[in-house]
Amino acid sequence: MKNGTQRPFVEVRLDGKRVGELSNVTSAHLLPILGRTETVGETALAYAKVTGSALAAELVLHAAKATEISNDWLSNGPHPTPKLLPLAKRYDVPPAYAK
């Protein structure tokens, strides 16, 4: 920070490139689960929605807070990364994920 103090925060990356960082409050919600996944050798992932234009872009992150993760999930593992669909012009999206 400008005054020389340090604070832990979550850095956001898209395709391996830094695109920003989360606020103090949001970082505090996510840091415990990120520390846990790192300790057990897993990589934490989150879904994001990118919108905008050539002038400005917005990335909205969808991630579970540490308080929303069950003990069952924490004790089971490993948690394999889900396979992504190949790039396509159109995808069939289940109603639960549509606006």
PDB file of N, CA and C in Angstrom:
ATOM      1  N   MET A   1       0.838  -1.175   0.000  1.00  0.00           N
ATOM      2  CA  MET A   1       0.000   0.000   0.000  1.00  0.00           C
ATOM      3  C   MET A   1       0.889   1.246   0.000  1.00  0.00           C
ATOM      4  N   LYS A   2       0.302   2.400  -0.233  1.00  0.00           N
ATOM      5  CA  LYS A   2       1.077   3.636  -0.332  1.00  0.00           C
ATOM      6  C   LYS A   2       1.864   3.951   0.932  1.00  0.00           C
ATOM      7  N   ASN A   3       1.299   3.604   2.101  1.00  0.00           N
ATOM      8  CA  ASN A   3       1.979   3.928   3.359  1.00  0.00           C
ATOM      9  C   ASN A   3       2.988   2.854   3.769  1.00  0.00           C
ATOM     10  N   GLY A   4       3.216   1.848   2.923  1.00  0.00           N
ATOM     11  CA  GLY A   4       4.218   0.832   3.200  1.00  0.00           C
ATOM     12  C   GLY A   4       3.692  -0.413   3.892  1.00  0.00           C
ATOM     13  N   THR A   5       2.456  -0.374   4.364  1.00  0.00           N
ATOM     14  CA  THR A   5       1.905  -1.567   4.999  1.00  0.00           C
ATOM     15  C   THR A   5       1.495  -2.571   3.930  1.00  0.00           C
ATOM     16  N   GLN A   6       1.423  -3.822   4.343  1.00  0.00           N
ATOM     17  CA  GLN A   6       1.025  -4.871   3.420  1.00  0.00           C
ATOM     18  C   GLN A   6      -0.284  -5.486   3.877  1.00  0.00           C
ATOM     19  N   ARG A   7      -1.035  -5.993   2.922  1.00  0.00           N
ATOM     20  CA  ARG A   7      -2.268  -6.705   3.242  1.00  0.00           C
ATOM     21  C   ARG A   7      -2.411  -7.853   2.260  1.00  0.00           C
ATOM     22  N   PRO A   8      -2.926  -8.969   2.740  1.00  0.00           N
ATOM     23  CA  PRO A   8      -3.149 -10.076   1.806  1.00  0.00           C
ATOM     24  C   PRO A   8      -4.344  -9.765   0.910  1.00  0.00           C
ATOM     25  N   PHE A   9      -4.256 -10.177  -0.343  1.00  0.00           N
ATOM     26  CA  PHE A   9      -5.367  -9.961  -1.264  1.00  0.00           C
ATOM     27  C   PHE A   9      -5.349 -11.060  -2.311  1.00  0.00           C
ATOM     28  N   VAL A  10      -6.455 -11.186  -3.017  1.00  0.00           N
ATOM     29  CA  VAL A  10      -6.581 -12.173  -4.078  1.00  0.00           C
ATOM     30  C   VAL A  10      -6.376 -11.472  -5.416  1.00  0.00           C
ATOM     31  N   GLU A  11      -5.421 -11.973  -6.175  1.00  0.00           N
ATOM     32  CA  GLU A  11      -5.163 -11.458  -7.513  1.00  0.00           C
ATOM     33  C   GLU A  11      -6.027 -12.235  -8.500  1.00  0.00           C
ATOM     34  N   VAL A  12      -6.622 -11.541  -9.446  1.00  0.00           N
ATOM     35  CA  VAL A  12      -7.470 -12.175 -10.452  1.00  0.00           C
ATOM     36  C   VAL A  12      -6.691 -12.261 -11.759  1.00  0.00           C
ATOM     37  N   ARG A  13      -6.671 -13.464 -12.331  1.00  0.00           N
ATOM     38  CA  ARG A  13      -5.974 -13.685 -13.599  1.00  0.00           C
ATOM     39  C   ARG A  13      -6.946 -14.270 -14.605  1.00  0.00           C
ATOM     40  N   LEU A  14      -6.786 -13.872 -15.838  1.00  0.00           N
ATOM     41  CA  LEU A  14      -7.578 -14.384 -16.950  1.00  0.00           C
ATOM     42  C   LEU A  14      -6.601 -14.852 -18.013  1.00  0.00           C
ATOM     43  N   ASP A  15      -6.679 -16.135 -18.349  1.00  0.00           N
ATOM     44  CA  ASP A  15      -5.722 -16.733 -19.291  1.00  0.00           C
ATOM     45  C   ASP A  15      -4.277 -16.485 -18.854  1.00  0.00           C
ATOM     46  N   GLY A  16      -4.048 -16.547 -17.533  1.00  0.00           N
ATOM     47  CA  GLY A  16      -2.698 -16.389 -17.003  1.00  0.00           C
ATOM     48  C   GLY A  16      -2.217 -14.960 -16.852  1.00  0.00           C
ATOM     49  N   LYS A  17      -3.004 -13.991 -17.280  1.00  0.00           N
ATOM     50  CA  LYS A  17      -2.595 -12.581 -17.195  1.00  0.00           C
ATOM     51  C   LYS A  17      -3.357 -11.882 -16.072  1.00  0.00           C
ATOM     52  N   ARG A  18      -2.649 -11.075 -15.302  1.00  0.00           N
ATOM     53  CA  ARG A  18      -3.275 -10.336 -14.209  1.00  0.00           C
ATOM     54  C   ARG A  18      -4.264  -9.321 -14.770  1.00  0.00           C
ATOM     55  N   VAL A  19      -5.501  -9.363 -14.273  1.00  0.00           N
ATOM     56  CA  VAL A  19      -6.505  -8.401 -14.716  1.00  0.00           C
ATOM     57  C   VAL A  19      -7.034  -7.553 -13.560  1.00  0.00           C
ATOM     58  N   GLY A  20      -6.582  -7.839 -12.353  1.00  0.00           N
ATOM     59  CA  GLY A  20      -7.012  -7.024 -11.223  1.00  0.00           C
ATOM     60  C   GLY A  20      -6.843  -7.761  -9.912  1.00  0.00           C
ATOM     61  N   GLU A  21      -7.413  -7.173  -8.870  1.00  0.00           N
ATOM     62  CA  GLU A  21      -7.393  -7.792  -7.551  1.00  0.00           C
ATOM     63  C   GLU A  21      -8.724  -7.538  -6.866  1.00  0.00           C
ATOM     64  N   LEU A  22      -9.052  -8.419  -5.937  1.00  0.00           N
ATOM     65  CA  LEU A  22     -10.316  -8.294  -5.220  1.00  0.00           C
ATOM     66  C   LEU A  22     -10.171  -7.332  -4.043  1.00  0.00           C
ATOM     67  N   SER A  23     -11.292  -6.817  -3.596  1.00  0.00           N
ATOM     68  CA  SER A  23     -11.292  -5.888  -2.461  1.00  0.00           C
ATOM     69  C   SER A  23     -10.839  -6.605  -1.193  1.00  0.00           C
ATOM     70  N   ASN A  24     -10.557  -5.837  -0.157  1.00  0.00           N
ATOM     71  CA  ASN A  24     -10.163  -6.407   1.139  1.00  0.00           C
ATOM     72  C   ASN A  24     -11.217  -7.380   1.651  1.00  0.00           C
ATOM     73  N   VAL A  25     -12.482  -6.975   1.584  1.00  0.00           N
ATOM     74  CA  VAL A  25     -13.569  -7.801   2.120  1.00  0.00           C
ATOM     75  C   VAL A  25     -13.725  -9.084   1.318  1.00  0.00           C
ATOM     76  N   THR A  26     -13.770  -8.979  -0.001  1.00  0.00           N
ATOM     77  CA  THR A  26     -13.935 -10.167  -0.837  1.00  0.00           C
ATOM     78  C   THR A  26     -12.726 -11.084  -0.709  1.00  0.00           C
ATOM     79  N   SER A  27     -11.536 -10.518  -0.670  1.00  0.00           N
ATOM     80  CA  SER A  27     -10.330 -11.328  -0.482  1.00  0.00           C
ATOM     81  C   SER A  27     -10.403 -12.102   0.832  1.00  0.00           C
ATOM     82  N   ALA A  28     -10.863 -11.443   1.896  1.00  0.00           N
ATOM     83  CA  ALA A  28     -10.960 -12.104   3.202  1.00  0.00           C
ATOM     84  C   ALA A  28     -11.911 -13.297   3.152  1.00  0.00           C
ATOM     85  N   HIS A  29     -12.963 -13.217   2.342  1.00  0.00           N
ATOM     86  CA  HIS A  29     -13.907 -14.338   2.205  1.00  0.00           C
ATOM     87  C   HIS A  29     -13.277 -15.516   1.465  1.00  0.00           C
ATOM     88  N   LEU A  30     -12.347 -15.262   0.571  1.00  0.00           N
ATOM     89  CA  LEU A  30     -11.804 -16.313  -0.284  1.00  0.00           C
ATOM     90  C   LEU A  30     -10.441 -16.844   0.155  1.00  0.00           C
ATOM     91  N   LEU A  31      -9.661 -16.060   0.886  1.00  0.00           N
ATOM     92  CA  LEU A  31      -8.310 -16.480   1.248  1.00  0.00           C
ATOM     93  C   LEU A  31      -8.244 -17.802   2.016  1.00  0.00           C
ATOM     94  N   PRO A  32      -9.168 -18.089   2.943  1.00  0.00           N
ATOM     95  CA  PRO A  32      -9.077 -19.379   3.645  1.00  0.00           C
ATOM     96  C   PRO A  32      -9.187 -20.586   2.707  1.00  0.00           C
ATOM     97  N   ILE A  33     -10.098 -20.555   1.767  1.00  0.00           N
ATOM     98  CA  ILE A  33     -10.244 -21.689   0.849  1.00  0.00           C
ATOM     99  C   ILE A  33      -9.069 -21.743  -0.125  1.00  0.00           C
ATOM    100  N   LEU A  34      -8.546 -20.605  -0.521  1.00  0.00           N
ATOM    101  CA  LEU A  34      -7.379 -20.598  -1.402  1.00  0.00           C
ATOM    102  C   LEU A  34      -6.165 -21.181  -0.687  1.00  0.00           C
ATOM    103  N   GLY A  35      -6.004 -20.849   0.585  1.00  0.00           N
ATOM    104  CA  GLY A  35      -4.907 -21.421   1.362  1.00  0.00           C
ATOM    105  C   GLY A  35      -5.052 -22.922   1.514  1.00  0.00           C
ATOM    106  N   ARG A  36      -6.274 -23.366   1.729  1.00  0.00           N
ATOM    107  CA  ARG A  36      -6.546 -24.805   1.888  1.00  0.00           C
ATOM    108  C   ARG A  36      -6.237 -25.563   0.595  1.00  0.00           C
ATOM    109  N   THR A  37      -6.699 -25.054  -0.531  1.00  0.00           N
ATOM    110  CA  THR A  37      -6.454 -25.754  -1.791  1.00  0.00           C
ATOM    111  C   THR A  37      -4.949 -25.790  -2.100  1.00  0.00           C
ATOM    112  N   GLU A  38      -4.251 -24.719  -1.793  1.00  0.00           N
ATOM    113  CA  GLU A  38      -2.805 -24.699  -2.031  1.00  0.00           C
ATOM    114  C   GLU A  38      -2.098 -25.718  -1.140  1.00  0.00           C
ATOM    115  N   THR A  39      -2.525 -25.819   0.126  1.00  0.00           N
ATOM    116  CA  THR A  39      -1.915 -26.749   1.068  1.00  0.00           C
ATOM    117  C   THR A  39      -2.024 -28.193   0.594  1.00  0.00           C
ATOM    118  N   VAL A  40      -3.161 -28.557  -0.012  1.00  0.00           N
ATOM    119  CA  VAL A  40      -3.362 -29.947  -0.458  1.00  0.00           C
ATOM    120  C   VAL A  40      -2.950 -30.142  -1.913  1.00  0.00           C
ATOM    121  N   GLY A  41      -2.346 -29.132  -2.522  1.00  0.00           N
ATOM    122  CA  GLY A  41      -1.819 -29.274  -3.876  1.00  0.00           C
ATOM    123  C   GLY A  41      -2.855 -29.144  -4.980  1.00  0.00           C
ATOM    124  N   GLU A  42      -3.965 -28.506  -4.689  1.00  0.00           N
ATOM    125  CA  GLU A  42      -4.987 -28.292  -5.708  1.00  0.00           C
ATOM    126  C   GLU A  42      -4.946 -26.842  -6.196  1.00  0.00           C
ATOM    127  N   THR A  43      -5.598 -26.599  -7.297  1.00  0.00           N
ATOM    128  CA  THR A  43      -5.704 -25.254  -7.838  1.00  0.00           C
ATOM    129  C   THR A  43      -7.143 -24.788  -7.713  1.00  0.00           C
ATOM    130  N   ALA A  44      -7.357 -23.635  -7.112  1.00  0.00           N
ATOM    131  CA  ALA A  44      -8.706 -23.094  -6.965  1.00  0.00           C
ATOM    132  C   ALA A  44      -9.131 -22.438  -8.268  1.00  0.00           C
ATOM    133  N   LEU A  45     -10.362 -22.695  -8.664  1.00  0.00           N
ATOM    134  CA  LEU A  45     -10.922 -22.119  -9.879  1.00  0.00           C
ATOM    135  C   LEU A  45     -12.229 -21.429  -9.550  1.00  0.00           C
ATOM    136  N   ALA A  46     -12.599 -20.453 -10.364  1.00  0.00           N
ATOM    137  CA  ALA A  46     -13.890 -19.781 -10.222  1.00  0.00           C
ATOM    138  C   ALA A  46     -14.406 -19.467 -11.619  1.00  0.00           C
ATOM    139  N   TYR A  47     -15.700 -19.356 -11.711  1.00  0.00           N
ATOM    140  CA  TYR A  47     -16.303 -18.948 -12.969  1.00  0.00           C
ATOM    141  C   TYR A  47     -16.347 -17.432 -13.022  1.00  0.00           C
ATOM    142  N   ALA A  48     -16.185 -16.889 -14.213  1.00  0.00           N
ATOM    143  CA  ALA A  48     -16.225 -15.436 -14.386  1.00  0.00           C
ATOM    144  C   ALA A  48     -16.995 -15.107 -15.653  1.00  0.00           C
ATOM    145  N   LYS A  49     -17.597 -13.941 -15.644  1.00  0.00           N
ATOM    146  CA  LYS A  49     -18.283 -13.433 -16.828  1.00  0.00           C
ATOM    147  C   LYS A  49     -17.586 -12.150 -17.234  1.00  0.00           C
ATOM    148  N   VAL A  50     -17.173 -12.089 -18.487  1.00  0.00           N
ATOM    149  CA  VAL A  50     -16.486 -10.909 -19.009  1.00  0.00           C
ATOM    150  C   VAL A  50     -17.433 -10.204 -19.968  1.00  0.00           C
ATOM    151  N   THR A  51     -17.653  -8.920 -19.720  1.00  0.00           N
ATOM    152  CA  THR A  51     -18.499  -8.111 -20.594  1.00  0.00           C
ATOM    153  C   THR A  51     -17.776  -6.812 -20.891  1.00  0.00           C
ATOM    154  N   GLY A  52     -18.274  -6.080 -21.864  1.00  0.00           N
ATOM    155  CA  GLY A  52     -17.705  -4.774 -22.161  1.00  0.00           C
ATOM    156  C   GLY A  52     -17.507  -4.548 -23.633  1.00  0.00           C
ATOM    157  N   SER A  53     -16.654  -3.577 -23.921  1.00  0.00           N
ATOM    158  CA  SER A  53     -16.373  -3.184 -25.296  1.00  0.00           C
ATOM    159  C   SER A  53     -14.869  -2.967 -25.445  1.00  0.00           C
ATOM    160  N   ALA A  54     -14.468  -2.436 -26.580  1.00  0.00           N
ATOM    161  CA  ALA A  54     -13.054  -2.138 -26.805  1.00  0.00           C
ATOM    162  C   ALA A  54     -12.573  -1.021 -25.871  1.00  0.00           C
ATOM    163  N   LEU A  55     -13.501  -0.237 -25.314  1.00  0.00           N
ATOM    164  CA  LEU A  55     -13.126   0.873 -24.438  1.00  0.00           C
ATOM    165  C   LEU A  55     -13.012   0.476 -22.973  1.00  0.00           C
ATOM    166  N   ALA A  56     -13.840  -0.445 -22.540  1.00  0.00           N
ATOM    167  CA  ALA A  56     -13.841  -0.841 -21.139  1.00  0.00           C
ATOM    168  C   ALA A  56     -14.370  -2.258 -21.015  1.00  0.00           C
ATOM    169  N   ALA A  57     -13.833  -2.979 -20.049  1.00  0.00           N
ATOM    170  CA  ALA A  57     -14.259  -4.348 -19.815  1.00  0.00           C
ATOM    171  C   ALA A  57     -14.552  -4.541 -18.333  1.00  0.00           C
ATOM    172  N   GLU A  58     -15.420  -5.493 -18.049  1.00  0.00           N
ATOM    173  CA  GLU A  58     -15.758  -5.824 -16.670  1.00  0.00           C
ATOM    174  C   GLU A  58     -15.707  -7.340 -16.529  1.00  0.00           C
ATOM    175  N   LEU A  59     -15.091  -7.815 -15.463  1.00  0.00           N
ATOM    176  CA  LEU A  59     -15.040  -9.227 -15.157  1.00  0.00           C
ATOM    177  C   LEU A  59     -15.779  -9.427 -13.848  1.00  0.00           C
ATOM    178  N   VAL A  60     -16.816 -10.259 -13.860  1.00  0.00           N
ATOM    179  CA  VAL A  60     -17.581 -10.563 -12.657  1.00  0.00           C
ATOM    180  C   VAL A  60     -17.234 -11.992 -12.254  1.00  0.00           C
ATOM    181  N   LEU A  61     -16.722 -12.148 -11.045  1.00  0.00           N
ATOM    182  CA  LEU A  61     -16.264 -13.429 -10.534  1.00  0.00           C
ATOM    183  C   LEU A  61     -17.382 -14.114  -9.763  1.00  0.00           C
ATOM    184  N   HIS A  62     -17.560 -15.414  -9.993  1.00  0.00           N
ATOM    185  CA  HIS A  62     -18.545 -16.226  -9.269  1.00  0.00           C
ATOM    186  C   HIS A  62     -17.783 -17.302  -8.516  1.00  0.00           C
ATOM    187  N   ALA A  63     -17.629 -17.116  -7.201  1.00  0.00           N
ATOM    188  CA  ALA A  63     -16.856 -18.053  -6.387  1.00  0.00           C
ATOM    189  C   ALA A  63     -17.542 -18.240  -5.044  1.00  0.00           C
ATOM    190  N   ALA A  64     -17.410 -19.432  -4.483  1.00  0.00           N
ATOM    191  CA  ALA A  64     -17.979 -19.716  -3.159  1.00  0.00           C
ATOM    192  C   ALA A  64     -17.079 -19.125  -2.077  1.00  0.00           C
ATOM    193  N   LYS A  65     -17.699 -18.503  -1.082  1.00  0.00           N
ATOM    194  CA  LYS A  65     -16.952 -17.991   0.063  1.00  0.00           C
ATOM    195  C   LYS A  65     -16.518 -19.177   0.920  1.00  0.00           C
ATOM    196  N   ALA A  66     -15.488 -18.985   1.719  1.00  0.00           N
ATOM    197  CA  ALA A  66     -14.997 -20.052   2.587  1.00  0.00           C
ATOM    198  C   ALA A  66     -16.104 -20.566   3.509  1.00  0.00           C
ATOM    199  N   THR A  67     -16.985 -19.687   3.959  1.00  0.00           N
ATOM    200  CA  THR A  67     -18.078 -20.101   4.854  1.00  0.00           C
ATOM    201  C   THR A  67     -19.145 -20.918   4.135  1.00  0.00           C
ATOM    202  N   GLU A  68     -19.130 -20.928   2.810  1.00  0.00           N
ATOM    203  CA  GLU A  68     -20.112 -21.681   2.030  1.00  0.00           C
ATOM    204  C   GLU A  68     -19.611 -23.070   1.627  1.00  0.00           C
ATOM    205  N   ILE A  69     -18.365 -23.377   1.928  1.00  0.00           N
ATOM    206  CA  ILE A  69     -17.775 -24.665   1.583  1.00  0.00           C
ATOM    207  C   ILE A  69     -18.050 -25.640   2.724  1.00  0.00           C
ATOM    208  N   SER A  70     -18.609 -26.811   2.398  1.00  0.00           N
ATOM    209  CA  SER A  70     -18.957 -27.787   3.437  1.00  0.00           C
ATOM    210  C   SER A  70     -17.733 -28.556   3.914  1.00  0.00           C
ATOM    211  N   ASN A  71     -17.826 -29.069   5.139  1.00  0.00           N
ATOM    212  CA  ASN A  71     -16.759 -29.906   5.681  1.00  0.00           C
ATOM    213  C   ASN A  71     -16.591 -31.176   4.848  1.00  0.00           C
ATOM    214  N   ASP A  72     -17.707 -31.700   4.309  1.00  0.00           N
ATOM    215  CA  ASP A  72     -17.631 -32.888   3.456  1.00  0.00           C
ATOM    216  C   ASP A  72     -16.758 -32.619   2.237  1.00  0.00           C
ATOM    217  N   TRP A  73     -16.943 -31.464   1.608  1.00  0.00           N
ATOM    218  CA  TRP A  73     -16.141 -31.126   0.431  1.00  0.00           C
ATOM    219  C   TRP A  73     -14.669 -31.017   0.813  1.00  0.00           C
ATOM    220  N   LEU A  74     -14.410 -30.402   1.965  1.00  0.00           N
ATOM    221  CA  LEU A  74     -13.027 -30.222   2.401  1.00  0.00           C
ATOM    222  C   LEU A  74     -12.343 -31.557   2.695  1.00  0.00           C
ATOM    223  N   SER A  75     -13.093 -32.517   3.256  1.00  0.00           N
ATOM    224  CA  SER A  75     -12.481 -33.785   3.631  1.00  0.00           C
ATOM    225  C   SER A  75     -12.371 -34.753   2.458  1.00  0.00           C
ATOM    226  N   ASN A  76     -13.130 -34.553   1.410  1.00  0.00           N
ATOM    227  CA  ASN A  76     -13.049 -35.402   0.219  1.00  0.00           C
ATOM    228  C   ASN A  76     -12.102 -34.776  -0.789  1.00  0.00           C
ATOM    229  N   GLY A  77     -11.509 -35.579  -1.589  1.00  0.00           N
ATOM    230  CA  GLY A  77     -10.639 -35.041  -2.623  1.00  0.00           C
ATOM    231  C   GLY A  77      -9.826 -36.156  -3.217  1.00  0.00           C
ATOM    232  N   PRO A  78      -9.029 -35.944  -4.195  1.00  0.00           N
ATOM    233  CA  PRO A  78      -8.847 -34.638  -4.821  1.00  0.00           C
ATOM    234  C   PRO A  78     -10.060 -34.221  -5.646  1.00  0.00           C
ATOM    235  N   HIS A  79     -10.100 -32.959  -5.980  1.00  0.00           N
ATOM    236  CA  HIS A  79     -11.194 -32.381  -6.751  1.00  0.00           C
ATOM    237  C   HIS A  79     -10.674 -32.064  -8.154  1.00  0.00           C
ATOM    238  N   PRO A  80     -10.937 -32.953  -9.112  1.00  0.00           N
ATOM    239  CA  PRO A  80     -10.402 -32.716 -10.461  1.00  0.00           C
ATOM    240  C   PRO A  80     -11.038 -31.496 -11.114  1.00  0.00           C
ATOM    241  N   THR A  81     -10.249 -30.836 -11.917  1.00  0.00           N
ATOM    242  CA  THR A  81     -10.732 -29.678 -12.657  1.00  0.00           C
ATOM    243  C   THR A  81     -11.741 -30.143 -13.700  1.00  0.00           C
ATOM    244  N   PRO A  82     -12.926 -29.515 -13.753  1.00  0.00           N
ATOM    245  CA  PRO A  82     -13.892 -29.932 -14.769  1.00  0.00           C
ATOM    246  C   PRO A  82     -13.374 -29.644 -16.170  1.00  0.00           C
ATOM    247  N   LYS A  83     -13.734 -30.493 -17.085  1.00  0.00           N
ATOM    248  CA  LYS A  83     -13.340 -30.309 -18.488  1.00  0.00           C
ATOM    249  C   LYS A  83     -14.158 -29.168 -19.089  1.00  0.00           C
ATOM    250  N   LEU A  84     -13.490 -28.294 -19.808  1.00  0.00           N
ATOM    251  CA  LEU A  84     -14.168 -27.208 -20.499  1.00  0.00           C
ATOM    252  C   LEU A  84     -14.611 -27.680 -21.875  1.00  0.00           C
ATOM    253  N   LEU A  85     -15.684 -27.109 -22.351  1.00  0.00           N
ATOM    254  CA  LEU A  85     -16.155 -27.433 -23.692  1.00  0.00           C
ATOM    255  C   LEU A  85     -15.253 -26.772 -24.724  1.00  0.00           C
ATOM    256  N   PRO A  86     -15.144 -27.383 -25.886  1.00  0.00           N
ATOM    257  CA  PRO A  86     -14.358 -26.734 -26.942  1.00  0.00           C
ATOM    258  C   PRO A  86     -15.030 -25.435 -27.392  1.00  0.00           C
ATOM    259  N   LEU A  87     -14.249 -24.508 -27.903  1.00  0.00           N
ATOM    260  CA  LEU A  87     -14.760 -23.234 -28.382  1.00  0.00           C
ATOM    261  C   LEU A  87     -15.825 -23.466 -29.450  1.00  0.00           C
ATOM    262  N   ALA A  88     -16.957 -22.791 -29.308  1.00  0.00           N
ATOM    263  CA  ALA A  88     -18.065 -22.938 -30.255  1.00  0.00           C
ATOM    264  C   ALA A  88     -18.788 -21.612 -30.390  1.00  0.00           C
ATOM    265  N   LYS A  89     -19.544 -21.457 -31.459  1.00  0.00           N
ATOM    266  CA  LYS A  89     -20.331 -20.240 -31.666  1.00  0.00           C
ATOM    267  C   LYS A  89     -21.542 -20.206 -30.753  1.00  0.00           C
ATOM    268  N   ARG A  90     -22.022 -21.396 -30.331  1.00  0.00           N
ATOM    269  CA  ARG A  90     -23.231 -21.471 -29.516  1.00  0.00           C
ATOM    270  C   ARG A  90     -23.124 -22.650 -28.562  1.00  0.00           C
ATOM    271  N   TYR A  91     -23.662 -22.477 -27.346  1.00  0.00           N
ATOM    272  CA  TYR A  91     -23.694 -23.549 -26.362  1.00  0.00           C
ATOM    273  C   TYR A  91     -25.121 -23.687 -25.841  1.00  0.00           C
ATOM    274  N   ASP A  92     -25.527 -24.901 -25.534  1.00  0.00           N
ATOM    275  CA  ASP A  92     -26.804 -25.130 -24.866  1.00  0.00           C
ATOM    276  C   ASP A  92     -26.573 -24.952 -23.374  1.00  0.00           C
ATOM    277  N   VAL A  93     -27.246 -23.975 -22.780  1.00  0.00           N
ATOM    278  CA  VAL A  93     -27.055 -23.646 -21.373  1.00  0.00           C
ATOM    279  C   VAL A  93     -28.285 -24.110 -20.594  1.00  0.00           C
ATOM    280  N   PRO A  94     -28.100 -24.884 -19.520  1.00  0.00           N
ATOM    281  CA  PRO A  94     -29.252 -25.306 -18.711  1.00  0.00           C
ATOM    282  C   PRO A  94     -29.987 -24.089 -18.152  1.00  0.00           C
ATOM    283  N   PRO A  95     -31.314 -24.187 -18.005  1.00  0.00           N
ATOM    284  CA  PRO A  95     -32.113 -23.061 -17.501  1.00  0.00           C
ATOM    285  C   PRO A  95     -31.605 -22.468 -16.192  1.00  0.00           C
ATOM    286  N   ALA A  96     -31.028 -23.282 -15.333  1.00  0.00           N
ATOM    287  CA  ALA A  96     -30.546 -22.790 -14.041  1.00  0.00           C
ATOM    288  C   ALA A  96     -29.448 -21.744 -14.196  1.00  0.00           C
ATOM    289  N   TYR A  97     -28.748 -21.741 -15.332  1.00  0.00           N
ATOM    290  CA  TYR A  97     -27.649 -20.808 -15.547  1.00  0.00           C
ATOM    291  C   TYR A  97     -28.009 -19.654 -16.482  1.00  0.00           C
ATOM    292  N   ALA A  98     -29.203 -19.656 -17.000  1.00  0.00           N
ATOM    293  CA  ALA A  98     -29.623 -18.607 -17.931  1.00  0.00           C
ATOM    294  C   ALA A  98     -30.334 -17.502 -17.149  1.00  0.00           C
ATOM    295  N   LYS A  99     -30.276 -16.309 -17.699  1.00  0.00           N
ATOM    296  CA  LYS A  99     -30.959 -15.170 -17.058  1.00  0.00           C
ATOM    297  C   LYS A  99     -32.436 -15.245 -17.273  1.00  0.00           C
TER     298      LYS A  99
END
